[in-house]
Amino acid sequence: MRPPWRCVLNASLSARFAAALPSGSDYVTLRFVEERAEILTCRNGVVQPPSTSLDRGAMITVYEAGGLGYAATSDLSASGIRQAIERARSWARQGAGAMVFDSRELPRPSPKGSWSAPAIEPWATQPISARLDRVARAEAALRIDPRIVESSASVLAIDTHSLLLTSTGGEVEQRASHLSPELEVYAHQDGLTQRRTLGGLRGTSQQGGAEVLTRFGFDQGSQRIALEAIALLEAPECPTDILDVILAPDQMMLQIHESIGHPLELDRILGDERNYAGTSFVTPEMFGTYRYGSELLNISFDPTHPNEYASYGWDDDGAPAERVLLIERGILKRPLGGHISQHRSGLPGVANSRACAWNRPPIDRMANLNLEPGSHSLQELIRQVERGVFLETNASWSIDDSRNKFQFSCEFGREIVDGELGRVVRNPSYRGISATFWRSLAGVGDRDTLQTLGTPYCGKGEPNQAVRVGHASPACLFRQVDVFGGAA
């Protein structure tokens, strides 16, 4: 049930916003965001002090005289809202005639409705003692061997409430709970140290309540993580050769994110990120004809996906969320661009204008970017490989500023010989070029191999914005990949 105070807050904000609306502006919006965050951690048998935060405020957007202006405020009183509107109007008037687009030609969304993410077992309603005890038990189960020299378990929980109001009568309320469990161990022996985690850099992230921990095996996964870290101590270096590679979903997440997601951001393609996060090897002329990957490659943008980390009902500019294929049977169809970038480029886009907080304007961002499943079981993919490696869990990444040449490392590897999984190998890495790597996609796992994952830490923009992103993917087989180990 929605807490009564939220209804009061919505009505109060709406009334104050309506009273502060000026004459002469073409379009004005208020985007209120409140986020409550908590991190619970146990490290080496010691429960750490809980970290909690509350962040609340509003962003004003004004279209006026062809310009566009923003102003953020944490003062949600009538005078605070009025002053923020006037600051945004001033910026809009100063930018009029000097921008790369005319705001009078932009759409003026007037969305109405509400959206909330399902949470079967709300995390925040459980006693803090029970939450801490669950984290401590998971950490204790990691310490199974003297060679485990450092261990930690943690849960990042974020509850978000937002309200978008427009001068055209739009009103949208959205609520979601985000949970990110993590297990981490370091094993050491004879001068060698190896790290193993549950999901890399909080890759095991979804929307929901305590059921998210159960889905990812937070309570039962500790022994597996610890045993795999110890196995890495005794494993040989990954071979250096041109090999077939099967990427597990938790590495596919990084591969999709870096070599498809970022290159398809339309503001980046238009040059907006050039001096900070780089450009893209993708150009506007490629859409509709360019072969991005093999016919097995189908990539969807889907913020409507249940429980995925970046699901929502409307983006931060009020565009309704919908599932769209960006790449279909290997052909590049559509970029990741919100309504401003769509207007600038003349290309169709998606509902992905997103901001990381109330004090940032929305820009083109990934949300849920997914690789659609195929028809092969994991065993069938493995049987197709005469000589190769199976790679799990991203450990590090490096990619050039056009999001083309990349080099990625993984935590855990297994050799594949004559269609069967072989010995564990440590420090496995591989490199490639985005523009050709996806064309080597030779097998896509079925729904039984698919995992729905995510990350809280996708960075972009000046000033920087770290947003939540979701990725769902099955295991995938790639042919003839440049593979190397730590000794290479």
Protein backbone atom coordinates (compact mmCIF):
# COMPACT_ATOMS: atom_id res chain seq x y z
CA MET A 1 0.00 0.00 0.00
CA ARG A 2 1.26 3.48 -0.82
CA PRO A 3 2.17 5.42 2.37
CA PRO A 4 -0.37 8.26 2.94
CA TRP A 5 2.36 10.89 3.28
CA ARG A 6 3.41 10.28 -0.31
CA CYS A 7 -0.08 11.17 -1.51
CA VAL A 8 0.04 14.35 0.58
CA LEU A 9 3.50 15.18 -0.79
CA ASN A 10 2.34 14.66 -4.39
CA ALA A 11 -0.66 16.93 -3.95
CA SER A 12 1.39 19.57 -2.16
CA LEU A 13 4.17 19.60 -4.74
CA SER A 14 1.65 19.70 -7.57
CA ALA A 15 -0.12 22.70 -6.03
CA ARG A 16 3.12 24.60 -5.38
CA PHE A 17 4.37 23.86 -8.90
CA ALA A 18 1.10 25.00 -10.50
CA ALA A 19 1.14 28.22 -8.48
CA ALA A 20 4.74 28.98 -9.50
CA LEU A 21 4.29 28.48 -13.24
CA PRO A 22 5.24 31.67 -15.11
CA SER A 23 3.62 33.15 -18.18
CA GLY A 24 5.81 33.31 -21.26
CA SER A 25 7.47 29.91 -20.98
CA ASP A 26 6.64 27.29 -23.61
CA TYR A 27 6.95 24.27 -21.33
CA VAL A 28 8.03 23.66 -17.73
CA THR A 29 8.56 20.43 -15.80
CA LEU A 30 9.38 19.54 -12.21
CA ARG A 31 11.04 16.19 -11.55
CA PHE A 32 11.11 15.29 -7.85
CA VAL A 33 13.34 12.40 -6.73
CA GLU A 34 13.86 10.89 -3.30
CA GLU A 35 16.33 8.06 -2.73
CA ARG A 36 17.02 6.18 0.50
CA ALA A 37 20.16 4.04 0.36
CA GLU A 38 21.66 1.54 2.78
CA ILE A 39 24.83 -0.57 2.63
CA LEU A 40 25.25 -3.43 5.10
CA THR A 41 28.67 -5.12 5.16
CA CYS A 42 30.50 -7.79 7.11
CA ARG A 43 34.25 -8.08 6.49
CA ASN A 44 36.57 -10.72 7.97
CA GLY A 45 34.08 -11.61 10.68
CA VAL A 46 33.41 -8.01 11.73
CA VAL A 47 30.06 -6.36 11.01
CA GLN A 48 30.75 -2.86 9.70
CA PRO A 49 28.72 0.22 10.74
CA PRO A 50 25.69 0.49 8.44
CA SER A 51 25.94 3.23 5.82
CA THR A 52 22.68 5.06 5.18
CA SER A 53 21.72 8.14 3.17
CA LEU A 54 18.68 10.15 2.17
CA ASP A 55 18.76 12.37 -0.92
CA ARG A 56 15.76 14.50 -1.91
CA GLY A 57 15.17 17.40 -4.29
CA ALA A 58 13.76 18.53 -7.62
CA MET A 59 14.99 19.47 -11.09
CA ILE A 60 13.20 22.19 -13.05
CA THR A 61 13.32 22.19 -16.86
CA VAL A 62 12.14 25.19 -18.91
CA TYR A 63 11.64 25.59 -22.67
CA GLU A 64 11.50 29.29 -23.53
CA ALA A 65 12.19 31.38 -26.65
CA GLY A 66 13.86 28.40 -28.31
CA GLY A 67 16.26 27.85 -25.44
CA LEU A 68 16.37 25.22 -22.71
CA GLY A 69 17.35 25.72 -19.10
CA TYR A 70 17.73 23.60 -15.97
CA ALA A 71 17.84 24.46 -12.28
CA ALA A 72 17.91 22.06 -9.34
CA THR A 73 16.77 22.77 -5.80
CA SER A 74 16.46 20.96 -2.49
CA ASP A 75 14.16 23.74 -1.27
CA LEU A 76 10.72 22.35 -2.09
CA SER A 77 8.81 25.26 -0.58
CA ALA A 78 6.71 27.48 -2.83
CA SER A 79 9.43 30.13 -2.90
CA GLY A 80 12.16 27.53 -3.54
CA ILE A 81 10.31 26.12 -6.54
CA ARG A 82 9.57 29.61 -7.87
CA GLN A 83 13.23 30.66 -7.59
CA ALA A 84 14.40 27.49 -9.36
CA ILE A 85 11.96 28.13 -12.21
CA GLU A 86 13.30 31.66 -12.61
CA ARG A 87 16.91 30.40 -12.70
CA ALA A 88 15.98 27.84 -15.36
CA ARG A 89 14.16 30.52 -17.36
CA SER A 90 17.27 32.70 -17.22
CA TRP A 91 19.44 29.88 -18.56
CA ALA A 92 16.90 29.15 -21.30
CA ARG A 93 16.85 32.78 -22.44
CA GLN A 94 20.67 32.97 -22.44
CA GLY A 95 20.90 29.82 -24.55
CA ALA A 96 18.23 30.81 -27.05
CA GLY A 97 19.65 31.04 -30.56
CA ALA A 98 22.99 29.55 -29.52
CA MET A 99 21.94 25.91 -29.12
CA VAL A 100 22.16 23.05 -31.63
CA PHE A 101 18.35 22.76 -31.57
CA ASP A 102 15.31 24.96 -31.03
CA SER A 103 13.28 23.93 -27.99
CA ARG A 104 10.10 25.22 -29.64
CA GLU A 105 10.32 22.26 -32.00
CA LEU A 106 10.64 19.63 -29.23
CA PRO A 107 7.72 17.49 -28.06
CA ARG A 108 5.97 18.46 -24.85
CA PRO A 109 5.03 15.22 -23.10
CA SER A 110 2.04 15.24 -20.77
CA PRO A 111 2.16 11.76 -19.24
CA LYS A 112 -0.25 10.62 -16.56
CA GLY A 113 -0.09 7.48 -14.45
CA SER A 114 1.89 5.56 -11.87
CA TRP A 115 4.33 2.66 -11.90
CA SER A 116 5.94 0.56 -9.20
CA ALA A 117 8.33 -2.38 -9.19
CA PRO A 118 7.24 -5.58 -7.43
CA ALA A 119 8.92 -6.46 -4.11
CA ILE A 120 7.71 -9.74 -2.62
CA GLU A 121 9.75 -9.44 0.60
CA PRO A 122 10.50 -5.73 1.15
CA TRP A 123 14.06 -5.50 2.47
CA ALA A 124 13.64 -2.27 4.42
CA THR A 125 10.69 -3.58 6.48
CA GLN A 126 12.75 -6.41 7.98
CA PRO A 127 14.42 -5.64 11.33
CA ILE A 128 17.94 -4.26 10.98
CA SER A 129 19.20 -7.05 13.25
CA ALA A 130 17.80 -9.67 10.85
CA ARG A 131 19.31 -7.93 7.82
CA LEU A 132 22.74 -7.68 9.46
CA ASP A 133 22.58 -11.29 10.64
CA ARG A 134 21.87 -12.51 7.11
CA VAL A 135 24.88 -10.63 5.77
CA ALA A 136 27.12 -11.87 8.60
CA ARG A 137 26.11 -15.50 8.05
CA ALA A 138 26.92 -15.28 4.34
CA GLU A 139 30.35 -13.80 5.12
CA ALA A 140 31.15 -16.42 7.76
CA ALA A 141 30.44 -19.17 5.24
CA LEU A 142 33.20 -17.77 2.99
CA ARG A 143 35.96 -18.52 5.53
CA ILE A 144 36.31 -22.25 4.87
CA ASP A 145 40.11 -22.47 4.51
CA PRO A 146 43.22 -20.76 5.95
CA ARG A 147 44.10 -19.70 2.40
CA ILE A 148 41.09 -17.35 2.39
CA VAL A 149 42.86 -14.22 3.65
CA GLU A 150 40.08 -11.70 3.16
CA SER A 151 36.31 -12.10 2.88
CA SER A 152 33.30 -9.83 2.75
CA ALA A 153 29.56 -9.92 2.17
CA SER A 154 27.39 -6.88 1.57
CA VAL A 155 23.98 -5.74 0.41
CA LEU A 156 23.31 -2.38 -1.26
CA ALA A 157 19.63 -1.39 -1.05
CA ILE A 158 18.13 1.70 -2.72
CA ASP A 159 14.48 2.77 -2.52
CA THR A 160 13.45 5.38 -5.10
CA HIS A 161 10.35 7.56 -5.31
CA SER A 162 9.93 10.05 -8.15
CA LEU A 163 7.23 12.45 -9.33
CA LEU A 164 7.22 14.18 -12.73
CA LEU A 165 4.93 17.20 -13.15
CA THR A 166 4.51 19.17 -16.39
CA SER A 167 2.99 22.56 -17.17
CA THR A 168 0.67 20.75 -19.60
CA GLY A 169 -0.99 18.81 -16.77
CA GLY A 170 1.18 15.70 -16.77
CA GLU A 171 1.73 13.81 -13.51
CA VAL A 172 3.65 10.55 -13.18
CA GLU A 173 4.65 8.83 -9.95
CA GLN A 174 7.14 5.95 -9.92
CA ARG A 175 8.56 3.81 -7.11
CA ALA A 176 11.15 1.03 -7.07
CA SER A 177 13.34 -0.93 -4.68
CA HIS A 178 16.80 -1.96 -5.92
CA LEU A 179 18.91 -4.66 -4.27
CA SER A 180 22.54 -5.56 -4.98
CA PRO A 181 24.07 -8.43 -2.98
CA GLU A 182 27.81 -9.21 -3.22
CA LEU A 183 30.21 -11.84 -1.91
CA GLU A 184 33.98 -11.42 -2.27
CA VAL A 185 37.00 -13.48 -1.24
CA TYR A 186 40.74 -13.24 -1.72
CA ALA A 187 42.74 -16.46 -1.55
CA HIS A 188 46.55 -16.42 -1.10
CA GLN A 189 49.24 -19.08 -1.29
CA ASP A 190 52.99 -19.00 -2.03
CA GLY A 191 52.97 -15.39 -3.20
CA LEU A 192 49.91 -15.77 -5.46
CA THR A 193 46.59 -14.02 -4.75
CA GLN A 194 43.29 -14.68 -6.53
CA ARG A 195 39.91 -12.94 -6.19
CA ARG A 196 36.48 -14.46 -6.67
CA THR A 197 33.08 -12.77 -6.31
CA LEU A 198 29.41 -13.52 -6.64
CA GLY A 199 28.86 -11.00 -9.42
CA GLY A 200 31.92 -8.88 -10.11
CA LEU A 201 31.22 -5.23 -9.28
CA ARG A 202 27.71 -5.82 -7.83
CA GLY A 203 26.63 -7.46 -11.09
CA THR A 204 23.97 -9.38 -9.18
CA SER A 205 21.56 -6.42 -9.09
CA GLN A 206 17.80 -6.50 -9.59
CA GLN A 207 14.66 -4.68 -8.52
CA GLY A 208 12.73 -6.29 -5.69
CA GLY A 209 13.07 -7.21 -2.04
CA ALA A 210 14.89 -9.91 -0.10
CA GLU A 211 13.86 -12.43 -2.76
CA VAL A 212 16.66 -10.96 -4.92
CA LEU A 213 19.23 -12.42 -2.49
CA THR A 214 17.58 -15.81 -2.83
CA ARG A 215 17.56 -15.63 -6.64
CA PHE A 216 21.31 -15.03 -6.73
CA GLY A 217 22.19 -17.64 -4.09
CA PHE A 218 23.53 -15.10 -1.61
CA ASP A 219 22.94 -17.46 1.33
CA GLN A 220 24.15 -20.65 -0.34
CA GLY A 221 26.82 -19.34 -2.73
CA SER A 222 29.60 -18.64 -0.25
CA GLN A 223 31.20 -22.09 -0.31
CA ARG A 224 31.25 -22.19 -4.13
CA ILE A 225 32.89 -18.76 -4.31
CA ALA A 226 35.55 -19.73 -1.76
CA LEU A 227 36.30 -23.10 -3.37
CA GLU A 228 36.69 -21.48 -6.78
CA ALA A 229 39.13 -18.90 -5.37
CA ILE A 230 41.22 -21.75 -3.90
CA ALA A 231 41.04 -23.65 -7.19
CA LEU A 232 42.48 -20.61 -8.96
CA LEU A 233 45.55 -20.73 -6.69
CA GLU A 234 46.33 -24.20 -7.99
CA ALA A 235 45.39 -23.54 -11.63
CA PRO A 236 47.76 -22.83 -14.55
CA GLU A 237 47.69 -19.55 -16.43
CA CYS A 238 45.11 -19.27 -19.19
CA PRO A 239 46.65 -20.30 -22.53
CA THR A 240 47.54 -17.61 -25.05
CA ASP A 241 46.15 -18.48 -28.47
CA ILE A 242 43.35 -17.92 -30.95
CA LEU A 243 40.53 -19.95 -29.39
CA ASP A 244 36.78 -20.35 -29.34
CA VAL A 245 35.23 -18.67 -26.30
CA ILE A 246 32.01 -19.23 -24.40
CA LEU A 247 31.10 -16.24 -22.25
CA ALA A 248 28.88 -16.80 -19.21
CA PRO A 249 26.03 -14.32 -18.67
CA ASP A 250 27.96 -12.37 -16.02
CA GLN A 251 30.69 -11.65 -18.59
CA MET A 252 28.22 -11.14 -21.43
CA MET A 253 26.77 -8.33 -19.30
CA LEU A 254 30.04 -6.40 -19.55
CA GLN A 255 30.50 -7.27 -23.22
CA ILE A 256 27.03 -5.96 -24.10
CA HIS A 257 27.43 -2.89 -21.91
CA GLU A 258 30.76 -1.69 -23.29
CA SER A 259 30.70 -2.76 -26.94
CA ILE A 260 26.99 -2.34 -27.76
CA GLY A 261 25.39 -0.11 -25.12
CA HIS A 262 27.83 2.78 -25.05
CA PRO A 263 28.50 2.84 -28.81
CA LEU A 264 24.74 3.14 -29.50
CA GLU A 265 24.14 6.14 -27.22
CA LEU A 266 22.90 8.78 -29.64
CA ASP A 267 24.27 11.83 -27.82
CA ARG A 268 27.70 10.19 -27.93
CA ILE A 269 27.28 9.51 -31.66
CA LEU A 270 26.35 13.19 -32.09
CA GLY A 271 29.57 14.22 -30.31
CA ASP A 272 28.30 15.35 -26.90
CA GLU A 273 30.63 13.08 -24.89
CA ARG A 274 33.71 13.61 -27.05
CA ASN A 275 35.78 15.54 -24.48
CA TYR A 276 34.96 13.21 -21.59
CA ALA A 277 33.72 9.68 -22.21
CA GLY A 278 34.62 9.59 -25.90
CA THR A 279 32.76 9.12 -29.16
CA SER A 280 31.55 6.02 -31.00
CA PHE A 281 32.63 4.04 -34.03
CA VAL A 282 28.92 4.05 -34.97
CA THR A 283 27.72 6.84 -37.28
CA PRO A 284 24.15 7.97 -38.05
CA GLU A 285 24.38 6.54 -41.56
CA MET A 286 24.80 2.98 -40.25
CA PHE A 287 21.28 2.60 -38.88
CA GLY A 288 19.10 0.35 -40.99
CA THR A 289 21.87 -1.32 -42.99
CA TYR A 290 25.01 -1.97 -40.91
CA ARG A 291 25.80 -5.56 -39.95
CA TYR A 292 26.75 -5.27 -36.30
CA GLY A 293 26.89 -9.01 -35.66
CA SER A 294 25.95 -12.42 -36.97
CA GLU A 295 22.32 -13.32 -37.65
CA LEU A 296 22.15 -14.76 -34.13
CA LEU A 297 22.51 -11.30 -32.56
CA ASN A 298 19.25 -9.73 -31.37
CA ILE A 299 19.52 -6.88 -28.85
CA SER A 300 16.48 -5.38 -27.15
CA PHE A 301 16.03 -2.22 -25.09
CA ASP A 302 13.39 -3.17 -22.53
CA PRO A 303 12.70 -1.01 -19.45
CA THR A 304 9.43 -2.95 -19.01
CA HIS A 305 11.23 -6.20 -18.07
CA PRO A 306 9.99 -7.45 -14.65
CA ASN A 307 12.57 -7.13 -11.84
CA GLU A 308 15.41 -5.99 -14.12
CA TYR A 309 17.57 -3.34 -12.46
CA ALA A 310 16.66 -0.34 -14.65
CA SER A 311 12.96 -0.96 -15.28
CA TYR A 312 10.52 1.97 -15.24
CA GLY A 313 7.21 3.12 -16.67
CA TRP A 314 8.37 6.47 -18.12
CA ASP A 315 11.79 7.99 -18.66
CA ASP A 316 12.80 11.23 -16.92
CA ASP A 317 11.47 13.36 -19.79
CA GLY A 318 8.08 11.63 -19.66
CA ALA A 319 8.39 9.27 -22.65
CA PRO A 320 6.54 5.97 -22.02
CA ALA A 321 8.74 2.89 -21.67
CA GLU A 322 8.47 0.23 -24.34
CA ARG A 323 10.47 -2.73 -25.59
CA VAL A 324 12.33 -2.03 -28.84
CA LEU A 325 14.79 -4.11 -30.88
CA LEU A 326 18.00 -2.14 -31.47
CA ILE A 327 19.76 -4.92 -33.40
CA GLU A 328 17.73 -7.54 -35.25
CA ARG A 329 19.37 -10.62 -36.79
CA GLY A 330 22.66 -8.75 -36.67
CA ILE A 331 21.46 -5.58 -38.43
CA LEU A 332 21.67 -2.26 -36.58
CA LYS A 333 18.17 -0.76 -36.40
CA ARG A 334 17.93 1.97 -33.78
CA PRO A 335 20.13 4.04 -31.40
CA LEU A 336 19.75 4.71 -27.69
CA GLY A 337 18.45 8.26 -27.93
CA GLY A 338 15.77 10.21 -26.08
CA HIS A 339 13.47 12.79 -27.61
CA ILE A 340 16.04 15.62 -27.79
CA SER A 341 18.63 13.46 -29.58
CA GLN A 342 15.92 12.05 -31.82
CA HIS A 343 14.96 15.60 -32.85
CA ARG A 344 18.58 16.58 -33.47
CA SER A 345 19.44 13.51 -35.54
CA GLY A 346 16.17 12.71 -37.30
CA LEU A 347 16.55 9.10 -36.14
CA PRO A 348 14.02 7.07 -34.15
CA GLY A 349 15.10 6.34 -30.60
CA VAL A 350 13.83 4.98 -27.30
CA ALA A 351 12.58 6.20 -23.91
CA ASN A 352 16.02 6.51 -22.31
CA SER A 353 16.40 10.12 -21.12
CA ARG A 354 17.63 9.37 -17.62
CA ALA A 355 19.30 11.22 -14.75
CA CYS A 356 21.17 9.72 -11.81
CA ALA A 357 19.58 12.06 -9.25
CA TRP A 358 17.37 15.11 -8.76
CA ASN A 359 20.31 17.49 -9.29
CA ARG A 360 21.29 16.24 -12.75
CA PRO A 361 19.51 16.76 -16.10
CA PRO A 362 18.55 13.63 -18.05
CA ILE A 363 20.80 12.47 -20.88
CA ASP A 364 20.82 9.45 -23.21
CA ARG A 365 21.54 6.35 -21.10
CA MET A 366 21.25 2.63 -21.30
CA ALA A 367 18.46 1.14 -19.19
CA ASN A 368 17.79 -2.58 -19.64
CA LEU A 369 19.80 -3.74 -22.63
CA ASN A 370 19.36 -7.44 -23.29
CA LEU A 371 20.61 -10.12 -25.67
CA GLU A 372 17.67 -12.27 -26.68
CA PRO A 373 18.05 -16.02 -25.98
CA GLY A 374 18.62 -18.64 -28.66
CA SER A 375 17.99 -22.37 -28.77
CA HIS A 376 21.12 -24.10 -27.41
CA SER A 377 21.65 -25.53 -23.94
CA LEU A 378 24.99 -24.77 -22.30
CA GLN A 379 26.07 -28.36 -22.88
CA GLU A 380 25.24 -28.04 -26.58
CA LEU A 381 27.36 -24.89 -26.84
CA ILE A 382 30.28 -26.65 -25.13
CA ARG A 383 30.00 -29.68 -27.44
CA GLN A 384 30.51 -27.35 -30.45
CA VAL A 385 33.98 -26.36 -29.23
CA GLU A 386 37.02 -28.41 -30.12
CA ARG A 387 39.47 -26.13 -28.34
CA GLY A 388 38.52 -23.10 -26.31
CA VAL A 389 37.76 -21.54 -22.92
CA PHE A 390 34.65 -20.90 -20.83
CA LEU A 391 34.90 -17.52 -19.08
CA GLU A 392 32.95 -16.22 -16.07
CA THR A 393 32.60 -12.92 -14.19
CA ASN A 394 34.29 -9.73 -15.33
CA ALA A 395 37.45 -8.72 -13.47
CA SER A 396 38.63 -5.70 -15.50
CA TRP A 397 37.91 -3.87 -18.71
CA SER A 398 39.60 -1.50 -21.11
CA ILE A 399 38.11 -0.04 -24.29
CA ASP A 400 39.16 2.84 -26.53
CA ASP A 401 37.33 6.16 -26.66
CA SER A 402 35.34 5.19 -29.74
CA ARG A 403 34.13 2.01 -27.95
CA ASN A 404 35.73 -0.18 -30.58
CA LYS A 405 39.01 -1.89 -29.56
CA PHE A 406 38.64 -3.66 -26.22
CA GLN A 407 40.48 -5.91 -23.77
CA PHE A 408 38.56 -7.66 -20.99
CA SER A 409 39.67 -9.96 -18.17
CA CYS A 410 37.62 -12.48 -16.20
CA GLU A 411 37.84 -13.95 -12.70
CA PHE A 412 37.42 -17.62 -13.60
CA GLY A 413 38.11 -19.78 -16.64
CA ARG A 414 37.79 -23.40 -17.70
CA GLU A 415 39.45 -24.97 -20.72
CA ILE A 416 37.24 -26.73 -23.27
CA VAL A 417 38.81 -29.68 -25.10
CA ASP A 418 36.94 -31.80 -27.64
CA GLY A 419 33.54 -30.62 -26.50
CA GLU A 420 34.09 -31.10 -22.77
CA LEU A 421 34.94 -28.75 -19.90
CA GLY A 422 38.51 -29.26 -18.68
CA ARG A 423 40.80 -27.81 -16.05
CA VAL A 424 40.44 -24.44 -14.34
CA VAL A 425 42.70 -21.65 -15.65
CA ARG A 426 43.54 -18.37 -13.93
CA ASN A 427 43.82 -14.78 -15.17
CA PRO A 428 41.88 -15.41 -18.42
CA SER A 429 41.61 -12.43 -20.77
CA TYR A 430 40.56 -11.76 -24.33
CA ARG A 431 40.65 -8.88 -26.78
CA GLY A 432 38.81 -7.85 -29.91
CA ILE A 433 37.20 -5.10 -31.96
CA SER A 434 33.52 -4.30 -31.44
CA ALA A 435 32.94 -3.78 -35.15
CA THR A 436 33.95 -7.38 -35.91
CA PHE A 437 33.72 -9.31 -32.63
CA TRP A 438 29.94 -9.69 -32.71
CA ARG A 439 30.10 -11.15 -36.22
CA SER A 440 31.92 -14.14 -34.72
CA LEU A 441 28.88 -14.99 -32.58
CA ALA A 442 28.24 -18.66 -33.43
CA GLY A 443 25.91 -19.89 -30.71
CA VAL A 444 23.37 -18.34 -28.33
CA GLY A 445 22.17 -20.13 -25.22
CA ASP A 446 18.51 -20.84 -24.49
CA ARG A 447 16.37 -19.40 -21.69
CA ASP A 448 17.77 -21.93 -19.22
CA THR A 449 21.20 -20.28 -19.61
CA LEU A 450 19.83 -16.72 -19.37
CA GLN A 451 20.48 -14.55 -16.31
CA THR A 452 19.01 -11.14 -15.49
CA LEU A 453 21.80 -9.00 -14.03
CA GLY A 454 22.69 -5.34 -13.58
CA THR A 455 25.10 -2.74 -12.23
CA PRO A 456 24.69 0.44 -10.13
CA TYR A 457 27.82 2.01 -11.63
CA CYS A 458 27.45 3.10 -15.27
CA GLY A 459 29.24 6.45 -15.54
CA LYS A 460 28.84 9.18 -18.14
CA GLY A 461 28.24 12.93 -18.46
CA GLU A 462 29.73 16.13 -17.06
CA PRO A 463 29.25 16.49 -14.15
CA ASN A 464 29.44 12.72 -13.87
CA GLN A 465 26.28 10.65 -13.55
CA ALA A 466 26.41 7.04 -12.31
CA VAL A 467 23.13 5.32 -13.20
CA ARG A 468 21.67 1.86 -12.69
CA VAL A 469 21.68 -0.40 -15.74
CA GLY A 470 20.23 -3.85 -16.34
CA HIS A 471 21.48 -6.56 -18.69
CA ALA A 472 19.93 -9.96 -19.37
CA SER A 473 21.83 -12.46 -21.48
CA PRO A 474 22.28 -16.16 -22.09
CA ALA A 475 25.68 -17.82 -22.45
CA CYS A 476 27.18 -17.19 -25.92
CA LEU A 477 29.77 -18.87 -28.15
CA PHE A 478 32.26 -16.83 -30.19
CA ARG A 479 34.69 -18.27 -32.74
CA GLN A 480 38.41 -17.56 -33.10
CA VAL A 481 38.99 -15.02 -30.33
CA ASP A 482 42.37 -13.64 -29.25
CA VAL A 483 42.76 -15.16 -25.76
CA PHE A 484 45.65 -14.65 -23.34
CA GLY A 485 46.68 -15.23 -19.72
CA GLY A 486 48.38 -13.14 -17.07
CA ALA A 487 51.86 -14.19 -18.15
CA ALA A 488 51.37 -13.01 -21.75
